[in-house]
Amino acid sequence: MSWKIIVTVALTGGLHTKAANPNLPEQPDEIAKDAGDSFNEGAAIAHLHARDPAGSPSGDSAIYRWIHAARHAGEGRFSKGKVRFDYGYLL
């Protein structure tokens, strides 16, 4: 029997910052790049939390839209296919 697997990546966490891990993506371009890298390695879903320019968690829909637009523009290496972003709500 063959199994199908859906890989989900949680890129940012809700509260952690670069102080906890300097590799944590905080800015939209870092998040888009890491999501694209994860997609290229087989991930199908990228769960993320947006950050403001200071790196603090943010619910600003403009930041989420920027990350989403990066996917459609081919930034973050999404040009090979499609990945689903899990925002928890629709923009």
N, C-alpha and C. Protein backbone atom coordinates (compact mmCIF):
# COMPACT_ATOMS: atom_id res chain seq x y z
N MET A 1 0.84 -1.17 0.00
CA MET A 1 0.00 0.00 0.00
C MET A 1 0.89 1.24 0.00
N SER A 2 0.51 2.26 -0.80
CA SER A 2 1.29 3.49 -0.80
C SER A 2 0.53 4.57 -0.04
N TRP A 3 1.26 5.36 0.70
CA TRP A 3 0.68 6.43 1.51
C TRP A 3 0.93 7.76 0.84
N LYS A 4 -0.06 8.64 0.90
CA LYS A 4 0.12 10.00 0.46
C LYS A 4 0.27 10.87 1.70
N ILE A 5 1.22 11.77 1.66
CA ILE A 5 1.53 12.61 2.81
C ILE A 5 1.42 14.07 2.41
N ILE A 6 0.80 14.86 3.27
CA ILE A 6 0.75 16.31 3.08
C ILE A 6 1.66 16.92 4.14
N VAL A 7 2.67 17.64 3.70
CA VAL A 7 3.63 18.28 4.60
C VAL A 7 3.22 19.73 4.83
N THR A 8 3.10 20.10 6.10
CA THR A 8 2.81 21.48 6.49
C THR A 8 4.01 22.02 7.24
N VAL A 9 4.40 23.25 6.93
CA VAL A 9 5.48 23.90 7.67
C VAL A 9 4.91 25.07 8.45
N ALA A 10 5.37 25.22 9.67
CA ALA A 10 5.02 26.36 10.52
C ALA A 10 6.27 27.22 10.60
N LEU A 11 6.30 28.29 9.85
CA LEU A 11 7.54 29.03 9.64
C LEU A 11 7.92 29.98 10.76
N THR A 12 6.95 30.61 11.39
CA THR A 12 7.28 31.73 12.26
C THR A 12 6.93 31.52 13.72
N GLY A 13 5.92 30.76 14.01
CA GLY A 13 5.44 30.70 15.38
C GLY A 13 4.72 31.99 15.72
N GLY A 14 3.89 31.97 16.73
CA GLY A 14 3.09 33.13 17.06
C GLY A 14 3.80 34.17 17.92
N LEU A 15 4.76 33.74 18.71
CA LEU A 15 5.38 34.66 19.67
C LEU A 15 6.89 34.77 19.58
N HIS A 16 7.54 33.75 19.06
CA HIS A 16 9.01 33.75 19.06
C HIS A 16 9.57 34.81 18.12
N THR A 17 10.77 35.26 18.43
CA THR A 17 11.46 36.27 17.63
C THR A 17 12.87 35.77 17.30
N LYS A 18 13.61 36.59 16.60
CA LYS A 18 14.99 36.24 16.27
C LYS A 18 15.87 36.13 17.51
N ALA A 19 15.41 36.71 18.63
CA ALA A 19 16.17 36.56 19.88
C ALA A 19 16.20 35.09 20.30
N ALA A 20 15.13 34.35 20.03
CA ALA A 20 15.08 32.93 20.36
C ALA A 20 15.82 32.09 19.32
N ASN A 21 15.73 32.50 18.06
CA ASN A 21 16.40 31.76 16.98
C ASN A 21 16.70 32.75 15.85
N PRO A 22 17.95 33.07 15.62
CA PRO A 22 18.29 34.06 14.57
C PRO A 22 17.88 33.62 13.16
N ASN A 23 17.54 32.35 12.97
CA ASN A 23 17.12 31.87 11.65
C ASN A 23 15.62 32.03 11.41
N LEU A 24 14.87 32.48 12.41
CA LEU A 24 13.43 32.65 12.28
C LEU A 24 13.11 33.75 11.28
N PRO A 25 12.28 33.45 10.27
CA PRO A 25 11.92 34.50 9.32
C PRO A 25 10.92 35.47 9.97
N GLU A 26 11.21 36.76 9.92
CA GLU A 26 10.31 37.75 10.51
C GLU A 26 9.70 38.67 9.46
N GLN A 27 10.49 39.11 8.52
CA GLN A 27 10.03 40.07 7.53
C GLN A 27 9.38 39.34 6.36
N PRO A 28 8.44 40.01 5.67
CA PRO A 28 7.71 39.35 4.58
C PRO A 28 8.61 38.67 3.55
N ASP A 29 9.71 39.31 3.17
CA ASP A 29 10.58 38.68 2.16
C ASP A 29 11.24 37.42 2.71
N GLU A 30 11.58 37.41 4.00
CA GLU A 30 12.17 36.22 4.61
C GLU A 30 11.14 35.09 4.69
N ILE A 31 9.91 35.45 5.06
CA ILE A 31 8.85 34.45 5.16
C ILE A 31 8.55 33.85 3.79
N ALA A 32 8.42 34.71 2.77
CA ALA A 32 8.14 34.23 1.41
C ALA A 32 9.27 33.32 0.92
N LYS A 33 10.51 33.71 1.18
CA LYS A 33 11.65 32.89 0.75
C LYS A 33 11.64 31.53 1.44
N ASP A 34 11.45 31.53 2.77
CA ASP A 34 11.46 30.26 3.49
C ASP A 34 10.28 29.38 3.11
N ALA A 35 9.12 29.99 2.86
CA ALA A 35 7.97 29.21 2.40
C ALA A 35 8.26 28.60 1.04
N GLY A 36 8.87 29.38 0.15
CA GLY A 36 9.24 28.87 -1.17
C GLY A 36 10.25 27.75 -1.08
N ASP A 37 11.25 27.92 -0.23
CA ASP A 37 12.24 26.86 -0.03
C ASP A 37 11.57 25.59 0.48
N SER A 38 10.62 25.75 1.42
CA SER A 38 9.91 24.60 1.97
C SER A 38 9.08 23.92 0.90
N PHE A 39 8.43 24.73 0.05
CA PHE A 39 7.65 24.17 -1.05
C PHE A 39 8.55 23.35 -1.98
N ASN A 40 9.71 23.91 -2.29
CA ASN A 40 10.64 23.21 -3.18
C ASN A 40 11.14 21.90 -2.58
N GLU A 41 11.06 21.77 -1.26
CA GLU A 41 11.47 20.54 -0.59
C GLU A 41 10.29 19.60 -0.35
N GLY A 42 9.08 20.01 -0.77
CA GLY A 42 7.95 19.10 -0.70
C GLY A 42 6.77 19.55 0.15
N ALA A 43 6.86 20.68 0.82
CA ALA A 43 5.74 21.15 1.64
C ALA A 43 4.58 21.58 0.76
N ALA A 44 3.36 21.34 1.24
CA ALA A 44 2.17 21.72 0.51
C ALA A 44 1.45 22.90 1.17
N ILE A 45 1.65 23.08 2.47
CA ILE A 45 0.97 24.13 3.23
C ILE A 45 2.01 24.88 4.05
N ALA A 46 1.91 26.21 4.03
CA ALA A 46 2.78 27.05 4.87
C ALA A 46 1.90 27.81 5.86
N HIS A 47 2.01 27.46 7.13
CA HIS A 47 1.29 28.17 8.19
C HIS A 47 2.23 29.25 8.71
N LEU A 48 1.75 30.49 8.76
CA LEU A 48 2.63 31.57 9.16
C LEU A 48 1.91 32.64 9.95
N HIS A 49 2.69 33.44 10.65
CA HIS A 49 2.22 34.61 11.38
C HIS A 49 3.02 35.80 10.86
N ALA A 50 2.33 36.87 10.52
CA ALA A 50 3.02 38.06 10.01
C ALA A 50 3.69 38.82 11.14
N ARG A 51 4.70 39.58 10.79
CA ARG A 51 5.44 40.43 11.74
C ARG A 51 5.47 41.85 11.21
N ASP A 52 5.50 42.81 12.12
CA ASP A 52 5.65 44.21 11.71
C ASP A 52 7.13 44.47 11.45
N PRO A 53 7.50 45.67 10.95
CA PRO A 53 8.91 45.93 10.64
C PRO A 53 9.87 45.77 11.83
N ALA A 54 9.34 45.90 13.05
CA ALA A 54 10.18 45.72 14.24
C ALA A 54 10.33 44.25 14.62
N GLY A 55 9.59 43.36 13.93
CA GLY A 55 9.68 41.94 14.21
C GLY A 55 8.64 41.43 15.19
N SER A 56 7.72 42.29 15.63
CA SER A 56 6.67 41.88 16.56
C SER A 56 5.50 41.26 15.80
N PRO A 57 4.81 40.28 16.41
CA PRO A 57 3.65 39.68 15.75
C PRO A 57 2.62 40.75 15.36
N SER A 58 2.02 40.57 14.18
CA SER A 58 1.07 41.56 13.67
C SER A 58 -0.06 40.87 12.93
N GLY A 59 -1.25 41.42 13.08
CA GLY A 59 -2.39 40.94 12.32
C GLY A 59 -2.72 41.84 11.14
N ASP A 60 -1.77 42.70 10.78
CA ASP A 60 -1.98 43.66 9.69
C ASP A 60 -2.17 42.92 8.37
N SER A 61 -3.37 43.07 7.81
CA SER A 61 -3.67 42.34 6.57
C SER A 61 -2.78 42.78 5.41
N ALA A 62 -2.24 44.01 5.46
CA ALA A 62 -1.35 44.46 4.38
C ALA A 62 -0.08 43.63 4.33
N ILE A 63 0.41 43.22 5.49
CA ILE A 63 1.61 42.38 5.52
C ILE A 63 1.30 41.00 4.94
N TYR A 64 0.17 40.43 5.33
CA TYR A 64 -0.23 39.14 4.76
C TYR A 64 -0.41 39.24 3.25
N ARG A 65 -1.00 40.33 2.80
CA ARG A 65 -1.19 40.51 1.35
C ARG A 65 0.16 40.60 0.64
N TRP A 66 1.16 41.25 1.24
CA TRP A 66 2.48 41.35 0.64
C TRP A 66 3.08 39.95 0.47
N ILE A 67 2.98 39.14 1.53
CA ILE A 67 3.52 37.78 1.46
C ILE A 67 2.79 36.99 0.38
N HIS A 68 1.47 37.12 0.34
CA HIS A 68 0.67 36.43 -0.67
C HIS A 68 1.05 36.89 -2.07
N ALA A 69 1.24 38.20 -2.24
CA ALA A 69 1.62 38.75 -3.55
C ALA A 69 2.99 38.23 -3.97
N ALA A 70 3.90 38.06 -3.01
CA ALA A 70 5.23 37.53 -3.34
C ALA A 70 5.12 36.15 -3.95
N ARG A 71 4.17 35.38 -3.47
CA ARG A 71 3.95 34.05 -4.04
C ARG A 71 3.53 34.15 -5.50
N HIS A 72 2.60 35.04 -5.79
CA HIS A 72 2.11 35.18 -7.16
C HIS A 72 3.13 35.82 -8.08
N ALA A 73 4.04 36.61 -7.54
CA ALA A 73 5.05 37.27 -8.35
C ALA A 73 6.25 36.37 -8.61
N GLY A 74 6.26 35.20 -8.01
CA GLY A 74 7.39 34.28 -8.20
C GLY A 74 8.52 34.53 -7.23
N GLU A 75 8.37 35.50 -6.31
CA GLU A 75 9.39 35.71 -5.30
C GLU A 75 9.31 34.56 -4.31
N GLY A 76 10.38 34.33 -3.58
CA GLY A 76 10.37 33.24 -2.63
C GLY A 76 10.35 31.89 -3.30
N ARG A 77 10.69 31.85 -4.59
CA ARG A 77 10.80 30.60 -5.34
C ARG A 77 9.49 29.83 -5.46
N PHE A 78 8.37 30.53 -5.66
CA PHE A 78 7.09 29.86 -5.84
C PHE A 78 6.78 29.61 -7.30
N SER A 79 7.68 29.96 -8.20
CA SER A 79 7.35 29.91 -9.62
C SER A 79 7.15 28.49 -10.15
N LYS A 80 7.60 27.47 -9.43
CA LYS A 80 7.47 26.10 -9.93
C LYS A 80 6.08 25.51 -9.73
N GLY A 81 5.26 26.11 -8.90
CA GLY A 81 3.94 25.54 -8.65
C GLY A 81 3.18 26.35 -7.65
N LYS A 82 2.21 25.71 -7.02
CA LYS A 82 1.34 26.42 -6.09
C LYS A 82 1.52 25.85 -4.70
N VAL A 83 1.42 26.72 -3.72
CA VAL A 83 1.43 26.31 -2.32
C VAL A 83 0.27 27.01 -1.63
N ARG A 84 -0.35 26.35 -0.69
CA ARG A 84 -1.47 26.94 0.03
C ARG A 84 -0.95 27.63 1.27
N PHE A 85 -1.32 28.89 1.45
CA PHE A 85 -0.99 29.60 2.67
C PHE A 85 -2.14 29.42 3.65
N ASP A 86 -1.85 29.10 4.87
CA ASP A 86 -2.84 28.91 5.92
C ASP A 86 -2.83 30.13 6.81
N TYR A 87 -3.72 31.09 6.51
CA TYR A 87 -3.79 32.32 7.30
C TYR A 87 -4.76 32.19 8.46
N GLY A 88 -5.63 31.24 8.41
CA GLY A 88 -6.67 31.14 9.41
C GLY A 88 -7.90 31.96 9.03
N TYR A 89 -7.80 32.78 8.03
CA TYR A 89 -8.94 33.55 7.53
C TYR A 89 -8.62 33.98 6.11
N LEU A 90 -9.65 34.37 5.37
CA LEU A 90 -9.45 34.79 3.99
C LEU A 90 -9.17 36.28 3.93
N LEU A 91 -8.29 36.65 3.02
CA LEU A 91 -7.97 38.08 2.85
C LEU A 91 -8.83 38.68 1.78
